[in-house]
Amino acid sequence: MAPGGTPKAIVERLAAETAKAINESDIKDRFNQIGIVPVGNNPAQAQQFLDAEVAKWAKVITAAGVKAEQ
């Protein structure tokens, strides 16, 4: 994740460094201990996943009639 408007080169670098980090054995071990399953997808795949999640949960929220509290 990065703020909107972050230059593509920076997003790509963050993705590459994150992928490298989550493949380190000590990080993998710690993630397993706390129940995290790293995905390690690229920025385009992450965007597709987030878009699908927003659409899915928007339907659930609408169907349930959930309203934001003010």
C-alpha atoms as a PDB file:
ATOM      1  CA  MET A   1       0.000   0.000   0.000  1.00  0.00           C
ATOM      2  CA  ALA A   2       1.117   3.513  -0.742  1.00  0.00           C
ATOM      3  CA  PRO A   3      -0.637   6.873  -0.909  1.00  0.00           C
ATOM      4  CA  GLY A   4      -2.458   7.676  -4.144  1.00  0.00           C
ATOM      5  CA  GLY A   5      -0.238   9.397  -6.639  1.00  0.00           C
ATOM      6  CA  THR A   6       2.920   7.622  -5.495  1.00  0.00           C
ATOM      7  CA  PRO A   7       5.200   7.333  -8.528  1.00  0.00           C
ATOM      8  CA  LYS A   8       5.077   3.930 -10.217  1.00  0.00           C
ATOM      9  CA  ALA A   9       8.819   3.416  -9.764  1.00  0.00           C
ATOM     10  CA  ILE A  10       8.459   3.785  -6.013  1.00  0.00           C
ATOM     11  CA  VAL A  11       5.473   1.423  -5.897  1.00  0.00           C
ATOM     12  CA  GLU A  12       7.435  -1.154  -7.893  1.00  0.00           C
ATOM     13  CA  ARG A  13      10.438  -0.793  -5.585  1.00  0.00           C
ATOM     14  CA  LEU A  14       8.267  -1.197  -2.488  1.00  0.00           C
ATOM     15  CA  ALA A  15       6.704  -4.317  -4.014  1.00  0.00           C
ATOM     16  CA  ALA A  16      10.092  -5.803  -4.870  1.00  0.00           C
ATOM     17  CA  GLU A  17      11.543  -5.118  -1.427  1.00  0.00           C
ATOM     18  CA  THR A  18       8.432  -6.470   0.280  1.00  0.00           C
ATOM     19  CA  ALA A  19       8.574  -9.653  -1.804  1.00  0.00           C
ATOM     20  CA  LYS A  20      12.225 -10.060  -0.900  1.00  0.00           C
ATOM     21  CA  ALA A  21      11.511  -9.535   2.805  1.00  0.00           C
ATOM     22  CA  ILE A  22       8.600 -11.967   3.035  1.00  0.00           C
ATOM     23  CA  ASN A  23      10.762 -14.681   1.522  1.00  0.00           C
ATOM     24  CA  GLU A  24      13.382 -14.452   4.269  1.00  0.00           C
ATOM     25  CA  SER A  25      13.193 -17.550   6.447  1.00  0.00           C
ATOM     26  CA  ASP A  26      12.985 -15.727   9.795  1.00  0.00           C
ATOM     27  CA  ILE A  27      10.126 -13.564   8.546  1.00  0.00           C
ATOM     28  CA  LYS A  28       8.330 -16.586   7.081  1.00  0.00           C
ATOM     29  CA  ASP A  29       8.719 -18.386  10.401  1.00  0.00           C
ATOM     30  CA  ARG A  30       7.327 -15.433  12.375  1.00  0.00           C
ATOM     31  CA  PHE A  31       4.397 -15.035  10.001  1.00  0.00           C
ATOM     32  CA  ASN A  32       3.593 -18.739  10.418  1.00  0.00           C
ATOM     33  CA  GLN A  33       3.709 -18.371  14.203  1.00  0.00           C
ATOM     34  CA  ILE A  34       1.121 -15.590  14.182  1.00  0.00           C
ATOM     35  CA  GLY A  35      -1.061 -16.996  11.413  1.00  0.00           C
ATOM     36  CA  ILE A  36      -0.176 -14.635   8.570  1.00  0.00           C
ATOM     37  CA  VAL A  37      -0.093 -16.051   5.057  1.00  0.00           C
ATOM     38  CA  PRO A  38       1.911 -13.651   2.867  1.00  0.00           C
ATOM     39  CA  VAL A  39       0.748 -13.338  -0.711  1.00  0.00           C
ATOM     40  CA  GLY A  40       3.598 -11.496  -2.381  1.00  0.00           C
ATOM     41  CA  ASN A  41       1.683 -10.483  -5.476  1.00  0.00           C
ATOM     42  CA  ASN A  42       2.583  -7.580  -7.724  1.00  0.00           C
ATOM     43  CA  PRO A  43       0.928  -4.127  -7.537  1.00  0.00           C
ATOM     44  CA  ALA A  44      -1.516  -4.864 -10.380  1.00  0.00           C
ATOM     45  CA  GLN A  45      -2.622  -8.126  -8.752  1.00  0.00           C
ATOM     46  CA  ALA A  46      -2.982  -6.371  -5.397  1.00  0.00           C
ATOM     47  CA  GLN A  47      -5.185  -3.713  -7.005  1.00  0.00           C
ATOM     48  CA  GLN A  48      -7.379  -6.371  -8.603  1.00  0.00           C
ATOM     49  CA  PHE A  49      -7.732  -8.132  -5.259  1.00  0.00           C
ATOM     50  CA  LEU A  50      -8.635  -4.911  -3.438  1.00  0.00           C
ATOM     51  CA  ASP A  51     -11.142  -3.914  -6.114  1.00  0.00           C
ATOM     52  CA  ALA A  52     -12.813  -7.341  -5.845  1.00  0.00           C
ATOM     53  CA  GLU A  53     -12.903  -7.123  -2.039  1.00  0.00           C
ATOM     54  CA  VAL A  54     -14.470  -3.651  -2.103  1.00  0.00           C
ATOM     55  CA  ALA A  55     -17.123  -4.821  -4.566  1.00  0.00           C
ATOM     56  CA  LYS A  56     -17.841  -7.973  -2.561  1.00  0.00           C
ATOM     57  CA  TRP A  57     -18.180  -6.198   0.778  1.00  0.00           C
ATOM     58  CA  ALA A  58     -20.154  -3.318  -0.725  1.00  0.00           C
ATOM     59  CA  LYS A  59     -22.818  -5.857  -1.730  1.00  0.00           C
ATOM     60  CA  VAL A  60     -22.856  -7.338   1.773  1.00  0.00           C
ATOM     61  CA  ILE A  61     -23.117  -3.910   3.388  1.00  0.00           C
ATOM     62  CA  THR A  62     -25.899  -2.835   1.052  1.00  0.00           C
ATOM     63  CA  ALA A  63     -27.848  -6.082   1.499  1.00  0.00           C
ATOM     64  CA  ALA A  64     -27.531  -5.842   5.286  1.00  0.00           C
ATOM     65  CA  GLY A  65     -28.571  -2.182   5.305  1.00  0.00           C
ATOM     66  CA  VAL A  66     -25.524  -1.186   7.295  1.00  0.00           C
ATOM     67  CA  LYS A  67     -25.252   2.547   7.887  1.00  0.00           C
ATOM     68  CA  ALA A  68     -22.239   4.480   9.142  1.00  0.00           C
ATOM     69  CA  GLU A  69     -22.567   5.923  12.629  1.00  0.00           C
ATOM     70  CA  GLN A  70     -22.049   9.620  12.970  1.00  0.00           C
END
